[in-house]
N, C-alpha and C. Protein backbone atom coordinates (compact mmCIF):
# COMPACT_ATOMS: atom_id res chain seq x y z
N UNK A 1 6.05 -92.11 -53.46
CA UNK A 1 5.11 -91.00 -53.62
C UNK A 1 4.98 -90.73 -55.12
N UNK A 2 3.75 -90.78 -55.62
CA UNK A 2 3.51 -90.56 -57.03
C UNK A 2 3.60 -89.09 -57.39
N UNK A 3 3.64 -88.84 -58.70
CA UNK A 3 3.75 -87.46 -59.20
C UNK A 3 2.54 -86.63 -58.77
N UNK A 4 1.37 -87.23 -58.84
CA UNK A 4 0.14 -86.52 -58.46
C UNK A 4 0.16 -86.15 -56.97
N UNK A 5 0.59 -87.08 -56.12
CA UNK A 5 0.66 -86.81 -54.68
C UNK A 5 1.65 -85.70 -54.38
N UNK A 6 2.76 -85.72 -55.10
CA UNK A 6 3.78 -84.69 -54.89
C UNK A 6 3.24 -83.31 -55.28
N UNK A 7 2.54 -83.23 -56.40
CA UNK A 7 1.97 -81.96 -56.84
C UNK A 7 0.94 -81.45 -55.83
N UNK A 8 0.12 -82.36 -55.32
CA UNK A 8 -0.88 -81.97 -54.32
C UNK A 8 -0.21 -81.46 -53.05
N UNK A 9 0.87 -82.10 -52.63
CA UNK A 9 1.58 -81.68 -51.42
C UNK A 9 2.20 -80.30 -51.61
N UNK A 10 2.74 -80.04 -52.80
CA UNK A 10 3.34 -78.73 -53.08
C UNK A 10 2.25 -77.66 -53.06
N UNK A 11 1.11 -77.93 -53.67
CA UNK A 11 0.01 -76.96 -53.66
C UNK A 11 -0.48 -76.68 -52.25
N UNK A 12 -0.59 -77.74 -51.45
CA UNK A 12 -1.03 -77.58 -50.06
C UNK A 12 -0.03 -76.72 -49.27
N UNK A 13 1.25 -76.98 -49.48
CA UNK A 13 2.29 -76.20 -48.79
C UNK A 13 2.22 -74.73 -49.19
N UNK A 14 2.01 -74.46 -50.47
CA UNK A 14 1.89 -73.06 -50.93
C UNK A 14 0.72 -72.37 -50.26
N UNK A 15 -0.40 -73.08 -50.13
CA UNK A 15 -1.57 -72.49 -49.47
C UNK A 15 -1.29 -72.19 -48.01
N UNK A 16 -0.61 -73.09 -47.34
CA UNK A 16 -0.28 -72.88 -45.92
C UNK A 16 0.64 -71.68 -45.77
N UNK A 17 1.64 -71.59 -46.62
CA UNK A 17 2.57 -70.46 -46.53
C UNK A 17 1.89 -69.15 -46.84
N UNK A 18 0.97 -69.15 -47.80
CA UNK A 18 0.23 -67.93 -48.12
C UNK A 18 -0.63 -67.50 -46.95
N UNK A 19 -1.30 -68.43 -46.31
CA UNK A 19 -2.12 -68.10 -45.14
C UNK A 19 -1.25 -67.57 -44.02
N UNK A 20 -0.04 -68.10 -43.86
CA UNK A 20 0.88 -67.60 -42.84
C UNK A 20 1.24 -66.15 -43.08
N UNK A 21 1.32 -65.74 -44.36
CA UNK A 21 1.68 -64.36 -44.66
C UNK A 21 0.56 -63.40 -44.28
N UNK A 22 -0.68 -63.85 -44.34
CA UNK A 22 -1.81 -63.00 -43.99
C UNK A 22 -2.11 -63.25 -42.51
N UNK A 23 -1.33 -62.65 -41.67
CA UNK A 23 -1.47 -62.83 -40.24
C UNK A 23 -1.67 -61.47 -39.59
N UNK A 24 -1.80 -61.41 -38.30
CA UNK A 24 -2.02 -60.12 -37.65
C UNK A 24 -0.97 -59.06 -37.96
N UNK A 25 0.26 -59.46 -38.27
CA UNK A 25 1.27 -58.45 -38.59
C UNK A 25 0.95 -57.76 -39.90
N UNK A 26 0.32 -58.45 -40.86
CA UNK A 26 -0.06 -57.79 -42.10
C UNK A 26 -1.24 -56.85 -41.86
N UNK A 27 -2.08 -57.17 -40.88
CA UNK A 27 -3.17 -56.26 -40.51
C UNK A 27 -2.57 -55.00 -39.89
N UNK A 28 -1.57 -55.17 -39.03
CA UNK A 28 -0.89 -54.01 -38.46
C UNK A 28 -0.23 -53.18 -39.55
N UNK A 29 0.37 -53.86 -40.53
CA UNK A 29 0.99 -53.16 -41.65
C UNK A 29 -0.04 -52.29 -42.36
N UNK A 30 -1.24 -52.83 -42.56
CA UNK A 30 -2.30 -52.06 -43.20
C UNK A 30 -2.67 -50.82 -42.41
N UNK A 31 -2.75 -50.95 -41.10
CA UNK A 31 -3.09 -49.80 -40.26
C UNK A 31 -1.97 -48.76 -40.26
N UNK A 32 -0.73 -49.21 -40.23
CA UNK A 32 0.41 -48.28 -40.27
C UNK A 32 0.46 -47.57 -41.61
N UNK A 33 0.27 -48.34 -42.68
CA UNK A 33 0.28 -47.76 -44.03
C UNK A 33 -0.85 -46.74 -44.18
N UNK A 34 -2.03 -47.07 -43.67
CA UNK A 34 -3.16 -46.15 -43.74
C UNK A 34 -2.86 -44.86 -42.98
N UNK A 35 -2.27 -44.97 -41.81
CA UNK A 35 -1.92 -43.80 -41.01
C UNK A 35 -0.91 -42.92 -41.75
N UNK A 36 0.12 -43.54 -42.33
CA UNK A 36 1.13 -42.79 -43.07
C UNK A 36 0.53 -42.10 -44.30
N UNK A 37 -0.38 -42.79 -44.99
CA UNK A 37 -1.00 -42.21 -46.18
C UNK A 37 -1.91 -41.04 -45.83
N UNK A 38 -2.61 -41.13 -44.70
CA UNK A 38 -3.44 -40.00 -44.26
C UNK A 38 -2.56 -38.78 -44.03
N UNK A 39 -1.44 -38.97 -43.36
CA UNK A 39 -0.52 -37.85 -43.13
C UNK A 39 0.02 -37.28 -44.45
N UNK A 40 0.38 -38.16 -45.36
CA UNK A 40 0.89 -37.73 -46.66
C UNK A 40 -0.16 -36.97 -47.46
N UNK A 41 -1.35 -37.57 -47.61
CA UNK A 41 -2.40 -36.94 -48.40
C UNK A 41 -2.88 -35.63 -47.77
N UNK A 42 -2.85 -35.54 -46.45
CA UNK A 42 -3.28 -34.30 -45.79
C UNK A 42 -2.35 -33.13 -46.09
N UNK A 43 -1.15 -33.40 -46.59
CA UNK A 43 -0.27 -32.32 -47.04
C UNK A 43 -0.80 -31.66 -48.31
N UNK A 44 -1.60 -32.37 -49.08
CA UNK A 44 -2.06 -31.90 -50.38
C UNK A 44 -3.57 -31.64 -50.45
N UNK A 45 -4.33 -32.28 -49.57
CA UNK A 45 -5.79 -32.17 -49.63
C UNK A 45 -6.39 -32.49 -48.27
N UNK A 46 -7.65 -32.13 -48.11
CA UNK A 46 -8.38 -32.50 -46.90
C UNK A 46 -9.02 -33.86 -47.15
N UNK A 47 -8.47 -34.89 -46.54
CA UNK A 47 -8.95 -36.26 -46.74
C UNK A 47 -10.16 -36.52 -45.86
N UNK A 48 -11.25 -36.91 -46.49
CA UNK A 48 -12.48 -37.22 -45.76
C UNK A 48 -12.57 -38.70 -45.43
N UNK A 49 -12.09 -39.53 -46.34
CA UNK A 49 -12.17 -40.97 -46.15
C UNK A 49 -11.01 -41.63 -46.89
N UNK A 50 -10.37 -42.59 -46.25
CA UNK A 50 -9.25 -43.30 -46.86
C UNK A 50 -9.38 -44.78 -46.53
N UNK A 51 -9.33 -45.61 -47.56
CA UNK A 51 -9.34 -47.05 -47.35
C UNK A 51 -8.08 -47.64 -47.97
N UNK A 52 -7.51 -48.60 -47.29
CA UNK A 52 -6.34 -49.33 -47.77
C UNK A 52 -6.65 -50.81 -47.66
N UNK A 53 -6.59 -51.50 -48.79
CA UNK A 53 -6.82 -52.95 -48.81
C UNK A 53 -5.52 -53.64 -49.19
N UNK A 54 -5.12 -54.62 -48.39
CA UNK A 54 -3.92 -55.40 -48.65
C UNK A 54 -4.33 -56.86 -48.82
N UNK A 55 -3.98 -57.43 -49.96
CA UNK A 55 -4.31 -58.82 -50.25
C UNK A 55 -3.07 -59.55 -50.75
N UNK A 56 -3.04 -60.85 -50.51
CA UNK A 56 -1.97 -61.70 -51.00
C UNK A 56 -2.57 -62.75 -51.92
N UNK A 57 -1.88 -63.03 -53.05
CA UNK A 57 -2.36 -64.10 -53.90
C UNK A 57 -1.72 -65.43 -53.49
N UNK A 58 -1.97 -66.49 -54.25
CA UNK A 58 -1.47 -67.82 -53.90
C UNK A 58 0.05 -67.90 -53.89
N UNK A 59 0.70 -67.00 -54.64
CA UNK A 59 2.16 -67.01 -54.71
C UNK A 59 2.80 -66.09 -53.69
N UNK A 60 1.98 -65.46 -52.85
CA UNK A 60 2.51 -64.56 -51.83
C UNK A 60 2.74 -63.15 -52.31
N UNK A 61 2.28 -62.83 -53.54
CA UNK A 61 2.43 -61.47 -54.07
C UNK A 61 1.43 -60.58 -53.35
N UNK A 62 1.90 -59.42 -52.93
CA UNK A 62 1.07 -58.48 -52.17
C UNK A 62 0.46 -57.45 -53.11
N UNK A 63 -0.86 -57.24 -52.99
CA UNK A 63 -1.57 -56.24 -53.76
C UNK A 63 -2.13 -55.21 -52.80
N UNK A 64 -1.84 -53.94 -53.08
CA UNK A 64 -2.30 -52.86 -52.21
C UNK A 64 -3.16 -51.91 -53.04
N UNK A 65 -4.38 -51.67 -52.55
CA UNK A 65 -5.29 -50.74 -53.21
C UNK A 65 -5.60 -49.60 -52.24
N UNK A 66 -5.46 -48.37 -52.73
CA UNK A 66 -5.71 -47.19 -51.91
C UNK A 66 -6.82 -46.38 -52.55
N UNK A 67 -7.79 -45.99 -51.74
CA UNK A 67 -8.89 -45.17 -52.22
C UNK A 67 -9.04 -44.00 -51.26
N UNK A 68 -8.89 -42.78 -51.78
CA UNK A 68 -9.00 -41.59 -50.94
C UNK A 68 -10.10 -40.67 -51.48
N UNK A 69 -10.88 -40.10 -50.56
CA UNK A 69 -11.93 -39.17 -50.93
C UNK A 69 -11.59 -37.81 -50.32
N UNK A 70 -11.62 -36.78 -51.16
CA UNK A 70 -11.34 -35.43 -50.70
C UNK A 70 -12.25 -34.46 -51.43
N UNK A 71 -12.70 -33.42 -50.74
CA UNK A 71 -13.53 -32.42 -51.40
C UNK A 71 -12.80 -31.08 -51.55
N UNK A 72 -11.52 -31.05 -51.13
CA UNK A 72 -10.80 -29.78 -51.20
C UNK A 72 -9.29 -30.03 -51.31
N UNK A 73 -8.69 -29.48 -52.37
CA UNK A 73 -7.23 -29.50 -52.50
C UNK A 73 -6.67 -28.26 -51.83
N UNK A 74 -5.47 -28.37 -51.33
CA UNK A 74 -4.84 -27.22 -50.68
C UNK A 74 -4.25 -26.29 -51.73
N UNK A 75 -4.13 -25.02 -51.37
CA UNK A 75 -3.64 -24.00 -52.29
C UNK A 75 -2.11 -23.99 -52.27
N UNK A 76 -1.51 -24.17 -53.43
CA UNK A 76 -0.04 -24.19 -53.52
C UNK A 76 0.51 -22.97 -54.22
N UNK A 77 -0.29 -21.94 -54.44
CA UNK A 77 0.20 -20.75 -55.14
C UNK A 77 1.31 -20.06 -54.35
N UNK A 78 1.35 -20.25 -53.06
CA UNK A 78 2.39 -19.64 -52.21
C UNK A 78 3.76 -20.23 -52.56
N UNK A 79 3.78 -21.51 -52.94
CA UNK A 79 5.02 -22.18 -53.24
C UNK A 79 5.59 -21.82 -54.60
N UNK A 80 4.77 -21.30 -55.50
CA UNK A 80 5.23 -20.99 -56.85
C UNK A 80 5.89 -19.69 -56.92
């Protein structure tokens, strides 16, 4: 097996493993994370819309982006 063939095989294996990581369980993770974040953010504000994006790069590194929309923060003067 030549050096070029070996490098191609390693790259192919990395792609397969990365695709394996993005499976239905990661989709469930996104839904669970979104649910938990809604509960968390609702302690501080009235959340109108929340999106959670989970992506994996070629090395299996996970990137999470959260975007929340709120038009009203809760009053914390009682706590002070």
